[in-house]
C-alpha cells in the first residue's frame, strides 16, 4: 500500500469515528475532517436535526472549524475527508473554500454532488477544481449508513 493511500485511510478512520458520534445522537452518520499537512484543522458531524439547520452537514461544519483555525476562508492546501460523497451544497462550499482535494468513502447515489449526480468539485467551467478520490474505506462507510437506515425502518 502506498503512503498516500495509508494517509487517506488514517484520516478516513477519523471521519468514521465522527460519523459514529453522529449516529449515536440519532443523526445520519456522516463525519468529515479537514486536514492540512499532518494537522486536522476542523472536524464535523451531521447535525441538522439537533440544530434545525439544513446546512449543518458534516462537511460544512468541518469547513467552518477549519476556516476559524486557519484564520482564512480559503483552505488551498487542505484536504477534506468525508465518509459520504458531498452533496451539491457541500461541493459548492468546498470549491468556494478552494480545498485542494476531496476524499470520500461511499457514493451518495441520490444527492451526490461530486461524482454520482453532479461533478461540481472538478468541473471545467469553474475557476477552481479540486482533485477527487473516492472509495477510501468505502465498504465501511456504506455499511455504517446502511445499518443506520435499516435500524430506522
C-alpha atoms as a PDB file:
ATOM      1  CA  UNK A   1       0.000   0.000   0.000  1.00  0.00           C
ATOM      2  CA  UNK A   2       1.428   3.385  -0.924  1.00  0.00           C
ATOM      3  CA  UNK A   3       1.962   6.248   1.518  1.00  0.00           C
ATOM      4  CA  UNK A   4      -0.900   8.363   0.152  1.00  0.00           C
ATOM      5  CA  UNK A   5      -3.400   5.515   0.477  1.00  0.00           C
ATOM      6  CA  UNK A   6      -2.237   4.842   4.059  1.00  0.00           C
ATOM      7  CA  UNK A   7      -2.624   8.520   4.941  1.00  0.00           C
ATOM      8  CA  UNK A   8      -6.069   8.628   3.310  1.00  0.00           C
ATOM      9  CA  UNK A   9      -7.208   5.604   5.321  1.00  0.00           C
ATOM     10  CA  UNK A  10      -5.814   7.090   8.542  1.00  0.00           C
ATOM     11  CA  UNK A  11      -7.846  10.288   8.126  1.00  0.00           C
ATOM     12  CA  UNK A  12     -10.930   8.449   6.879  1.00  0.00           C
ATOM     13  CA  UNK A  13     -10.886   6.487  10.138  1.00  0.00           C
ATOM     14  CA  UNK A  14     -11.132   9.832  11.953  1.00  0.00           C
ATOM     15  CA  UNK A  15     -14.125  10.724   9.757  1.00  0.00           C
ATOM     16  CA  UNK A  16     -15.690   7.324  10.513  1.00  0.00           C
ATOM     17  CA  UNK A  17     -15.312   7.928  14.256  1.00  0.00           C
ATOM     18  CA  UNK A  18     -17.100  11.264  13.800  1.00  0.00           C
ATOM     19  CA  UNK A  19     -19.845   9.564  11.780  1.00  0.00           C
ATOM     20  CA  UNK A  20     -20.352   7.088  14.613  1.00  0.00           C
ATOM     21  CA  UNK A  21     -20.730  10.018  17.030  1.00  0.00           C
ATOM     22  CA  UNK A  22     -23.445  11.458  14.784  1.00  0.00           C
ATOM     23  CA  UNK A  23     -25.198   8.089  14.691  1.00  0.00           C
ATOM     24  CA  UNK A  24     -25.160   7.886  18.500  1.00  0.00           C
ATOM     25  CA  UNK A  25     -27.052  11.202  18.568  1.00  0.00           C
ATOM     26  CA  UNK A  26     -29.655   9.962  16.054  1.00  0.00           C
ATOM     27  CA  UNK A  27     -28.250  11.947  13.142  1.00  0.00           C
ATOM     28  CA  UNK A  28     -27.424  10.469   9.738  1.00  0.00           C
ATOM     29  CA  UNK A  29     -23.925   9.060  10.322  1.00  0.00           C
ATOM     30  CA  UNK A  30     -21.638  11.289   8.282  1.00  0.00           C
ATOM     31  CA  UNK A  31     -18.313  12.588   9.512  1.00  0.00           C
ATOM     32  CA  UNK A  32     -15.773  14.924   7.943  1.00  0.00           C
ATOM     33  CA  UNK A  33     -12.330  16.244   8.763  1.00  0.00           C
ATOM     34  CA  UNK A  34     -10.294  18.979   7.033  1.00  0.00           C
ATOM     35  CA  UNK A  35      -6.568  18.304   7.077  1.00  0.00           C
ATOM     36  CA  UNK A  36      -3.582  20.430   6.127  1.00  0.00           C
ATOM     37  CA  UNK A  37      -0.254  18.638   6.191  1.00  0.00           C
ATOM     38  CA  UNK A  38      -0.408  16.372   9.225  1.00  0.00           C
ATOM     39  CA  UNK A  39      -2.847  18.571  11.171  1.00  0.00           C
ATOM     40  CA  UNK A  40      -6.620  18.326  11.463  1.00  0.00           C
ATOM     41  CA  UNK A  41      -7.869  21.902  11.062  1.00  0.00           C
ATOM     42  CA  UNK A  42     -11.541  21.142  11.563  1.00  0.00           C
ATOM     43  CA  UNK A  43     -13.941  18.297  12.227  1.00  0.00           C
ATOM     44  CA  UNK A  44     -17.652  17.988  11.671  1.00  0.00           C
ATOM     45  CA  UNK A  45     -20.565  15.637  12.107  1.00  0.00           C
ATOM     46  CA  UNK A  46     -24.006  15.789  10.627  1.00  0.00           C
ATOM     47  CA  UNK A  47     -26.391  17.620  12.964  1.00  0.00           C
ATOM     48  CA  UNK A  48     -29.271  19.200  11.016  1.00  0.00           C
ATOM     49  CA  UNK A  49     -31.850  17.520  13.262  1.00  0.00           C
ATOM     50  CA  UNK A  50     -30.434  18.778  16.561  1.00  0.00           C
ATOM     51  CA  UNK A  51     -29.745  22.278  15.228  1.00  0.00           C
ATOM     52  CA  UNK A  52     -32.816  22.646  12.996  1.00  0.00           C
ATOM     53  CA  UNK A  53     -30.324  23.782  10.360  1.00  0.00           C
ATOM     54  CA  UNK A  54     -30.468  22.235   6.883  1.00  0.00           C
ATOM     55  CA  UNK A  55     -26.895  23.411   6.239  1.00  0.00           C
ATOM     56  CA  UNK A  56     -25.457  21.570   9.260  1.00  0.00           C
ATOM     57  CA  UNK A  57     -23.799  18.874   7.173  1.00  0.00           C
ATOM     58  CA  UNK A  58     -20.533  17.360   8.403  1.00  0.00           C
ATOM     59  CA  UNK A  59     -18.546  18.975   5.574  1.00  0.00           C
ATOM     60  CA  UNK A  60     -19.910  22.476   6.242  1.00  0.00           C
ATOM     61  CA  UNK A  61     -19.208  22.183   9.954  1.00  0.00           C
ATOM     62  CA  UNK A  62     -15.668  20.912   9.279  1.00  0.00           C
ATOM     63  CA  UNK A  63     -15.044  23.773   6.820  1.00  0.00           C
ATOM     64  CA  UNK A  64     -16.259  26.356   9.339  1.00  0.00           C
ATOM     65  CA  UNK A  65     -13.974  24.971  12.036  1.00  0.00           C
ATOM     66  CA  UNK A  66     -11.035  24.778   9.623  1.00  0.00           C
ATOM     67  CA  UNK A  67     -11.529  28.347   8.423  1.00  0.00           C
ATOM     68  CA  UNK A  68     -11.599  29.571  12.016  1.00  0.00           C
ATOM     69  CA  UNK A  69      -8.465  27.572  12.890  1.00  0.00           C
ATOM     70  CA  UNK A  70      -6.619  28.779   9.789  1.00  0.00           C
ATOM     71  CA  UNK A  71      -7.816  32.360  10.141  1.00  0.00           C
ATOM     72  CA  UNK A  72      -8.830  32.291   6.485  1.00  0.00           C
ATOM     73  CA  UNK A  73     -11.840  31.150   4.496  1.00  0.00           C
ATOM     74  CA  UNK A  74      -9.528  29.863   1.776  1.00  0.00           C
ATOM     75  CA  UNK A  75      -8.107  26.450   2.524  1.00  0.00           C
ATOM     76  CA  UNK A  76      -5.995  25.996  -0.596  1.00  0.00           C
ATOM     77  CA  UNK A  77      -3.626  23.364   0.758  1.00  0.00           C
ATOM     78  CA  UNK A  78      -6.284  21.412   2.624  1.00  0.00           C
ATOM     79  CA  UNK A  79      -7.866  18.004   2.063  1.00  0.00           C
ATOM     80  CA  UNK A  80     -11.417  17.168   3.113  1.00  0.00           C
ATOM     81  CA  UNK A  81     -12.075  13.577   4.182  1.00  0.00           C
ATOM     82  CA  UNK A  82     -15.736  12.607   4.358  1.00  0.00           C
ATOM     83  CA  UNK A  83     -17.486   9.295   4.849  1.00  0.00           C
ATOM     84  CA  UNK A  84     -20.154  10.145   2.263  1.00  0.00           C
ATOM     85  CA  UNK A  85     -19.876  11.869  -1.105  1.00  0.00           C
ATOM     86  CA  UNK A  86     -20.603  15.581  -0.604  1.00  0.00           C
ATOM     87  CA  UNK A  87     -23.962  16.901  -1.803  1.00  0.00           C
ATOM     88  CA  UNK A  88     -24.242  19.850  -4.204  1.00  0.00           C
ATOM     89  CA  UNK A  89     -24.347  22.377  -1.334  1.00  0.00           C
ATOM     90  CA  UNK A  90     -21.216  20.959   0.261  1.00  0.00           C
ATOM     91  CA  UNK A  91     -19.406  20.541  -3.065  1.00  0.00           C
ATOM     92  CA  UNK A  92     -20.066  24.225  -3.796  1.00  0.00           C
ATOM     93  CA  UNK A  93     -18.706  25.224  -0.385  1.00  0.00           C
ATOM     94  CA  UNK A  94     -15.589  23.114  -0.961  1.00  0.00           C
ATOM     95  CA  UNK A  95     -14.986  24.882  -4.276  1.00  0.00           C
ATOM     96  CA  UNK A  96     -15.527  28.277  -2.617  1.00  0.00           C
ATOM     97  CA  UNK A  97     -13.013  27.329   0.095  1.00  0.00           C
ATOM     98  CA  UNK A  98     -10.510  26.296  -2.598  1.00  0.00           C
ATOM     99  CA  UNK A  99      -9.934  22.915  -0.958  1.00  0.00           C
ATOM    100  CA  UNK A 100      -7.197  21.133  -2.898  1.00  0.00           C
ATOM    101  CA  UNK A 101      -8.545  17.616  -2.590  1.00  0.00           C
ATOM    102  CA  UNK A 102     -11.747  15.813  -1.613  1.00  0.00           C
ATOM    103  CA  UNK A 103     -11.566  12.223  -0.390  1.00  0.00           C
ATOM    104  CA  UNK A 104     -14.798  10.358   0.313  1.00  0.00           C
ATOM    105  CA  UNK A 105     -15.807   6.842   1.234  1.00  0.00           C
ATOM    106  CA  UNK A 106     -19.270   5.954  -0.065  1.00  0.00           C
ATOM    107  CA  UNK A 107     -21.092   7.395  -3.048  1.00  0.00           C
ATOM    108  CA  UNK A 108     -24.402   9.167  -2.480  1.00  0.00           C
ATOM    109  CA  UNK A 109     -26.477   7.876  -5.375  1.00  0.00           C
ATOM    110  CA  UNK A 110     -29.404  10.187  -4.570  1.00  0.00           C
ATOM    111  CA  UNK A 111     -27.720  13.525  -3.880  1.00  0.00           C
ATOM    112  CA  UNK A 112     -24.019  13.189  -4.733  1.00  0.00           C
ATOM    113  CA  UNK A 113     -22.530  16.455  -5.970  1.00  0.00           C
ATOM    114  CA  UNK A 114     -19.003  15.231  -6.683  1.00  0.00           C
ATOM    115  CA  UNK A 115     -19.474  12.057  -8.740  1.00  0.00           C
ATOM    116  CA  UNK A 116     -22.893  10.375  -8.586  1.00  0.00           C
ATOM    117  CA  UNK A 117     -25.326  13.073  -9.772  1.00  0.00           C
ATOM    118  CA  UNK A 118     -23.090  16.066 -10.484  1.00  0.00           C
ATOM    119  CA  UNK A 119     -19.366  16.670 -10.829  1.00  0.00           C
ATOM    120  CA  UNK A 120     -19.111  20.131  -9.280  1.00  0.00           C
ATOM    121  CA  UNK A 121     -15.809  19.845  -7.455  1.00  0.00           C
ATOM    122  CA  UNK A 122     -13.696  19.372 -10.560  1.00  0.00           C
ATOM    123  CA  UNK A 123     -15.947  20.963 -13.179  1.00  0.00           C
ATOM    124  CA  UNK A 124     -14.093  22.595 -16.060  1.00  0.00           C
ATOM    125  CA  UNK A 125     -16.492  25.561 -16.022  1.00  0.00           C
ATOM    126  CA  UNK A 126     -15.479  26.684 -12.519  1.00  0.00           C
ATOM    127  CA  UNK A 127     -12.421  28.731 -11.603  1.00  0.00           C
ATOM    128  CA  UNK A 128     -11.246  26.182  -9.017  1.00  0.00           C
ATOM    129  CA  UNK A 129     -11.095  22.434  -9.338  1.00  0.00           C
ATOM    130  CA  UNK A 130     -10.409  20.029  -6.503  1.00  0.00           C
ATOM    131  CA  UNK A 131      -8.824  16.660  -7.024  1.00  0.00           C
ATOM    132  CA  UNK A 132     -11.304  13.910  -6.109  1.00  0.00           C
ATOM    133  CA  UNK A 133     -10.518  10.481  -4.635  1.00  0.00           C
ATOM    134  CA  UNK A 134     -13.394   8.148  -3.927  1.00  0.00           C
ATOM    135  CA  UNK A 135     -13.904   4.797  -2.267  1.00  0.00           C
ATOM    136  CA  UNK A 136     -11.457   5.121   0.634  1.00  0.00           C
ATOM    137  CA  UNK A 137     -12.802   2.674   3.234  1.00  0.00           C
ATOM    138  CA  UNK A 138     -15.929   2.773   1.100  1.00  0.00           C
ATOM    139  CA  UNK A 139     -17.343  -0.537   2.325  1.00  0.00           C
ATOM    140  CA  UNK A 140     -17.100   0.537   5.974  1.00  0.00           C
ATOM    141  CA  UNK A 141     -18.637   3.934   5.229  1.00  0.00           C
ATOM    142  CA  UNK A 142     -21.504   2.402   3.251  1.00  0.00           C
ATOM    143  CA  UNK A 143     -22.137  -0.249   5.915  1.00  0.00           C
ATOM    144  CA  UNK A 144     -22.459   2.390   8.643  1.00  0.00           C
ATOM    145  CA  UNK A 145     -25.083   4.248   6.602  1.00  0.00           C
ATOM    146  CA  UNK A 146     -26.918   1.064   5.587  1.00  0.00           C
ATOM    147  CA  UNK A 147     -27.096  -0.168   9.193  1.00  0.00           C
ATOM    148  CA  UNK A 148     -28.383   3.221  10.364  1.00  0.00           C
ATOM    149  CA  UNK A 149     -31.213   3.325   7.841  1.00  0.00           C
ATOM    150  CA  UNK A 150     -32.124  -0.353   8.335  1.00  0.00           C
ATOM    151  CA  UNK A 151     -32.497   0.304  12.072  1.00  0.00           C
ATOM    152  CA  UNK A 152     -34.839   3.224  11.280  1.00  0.00           C
ATOM    153  CA  UNK A 153     -37.183   1.007   9.265  1.00  0.00           C
END
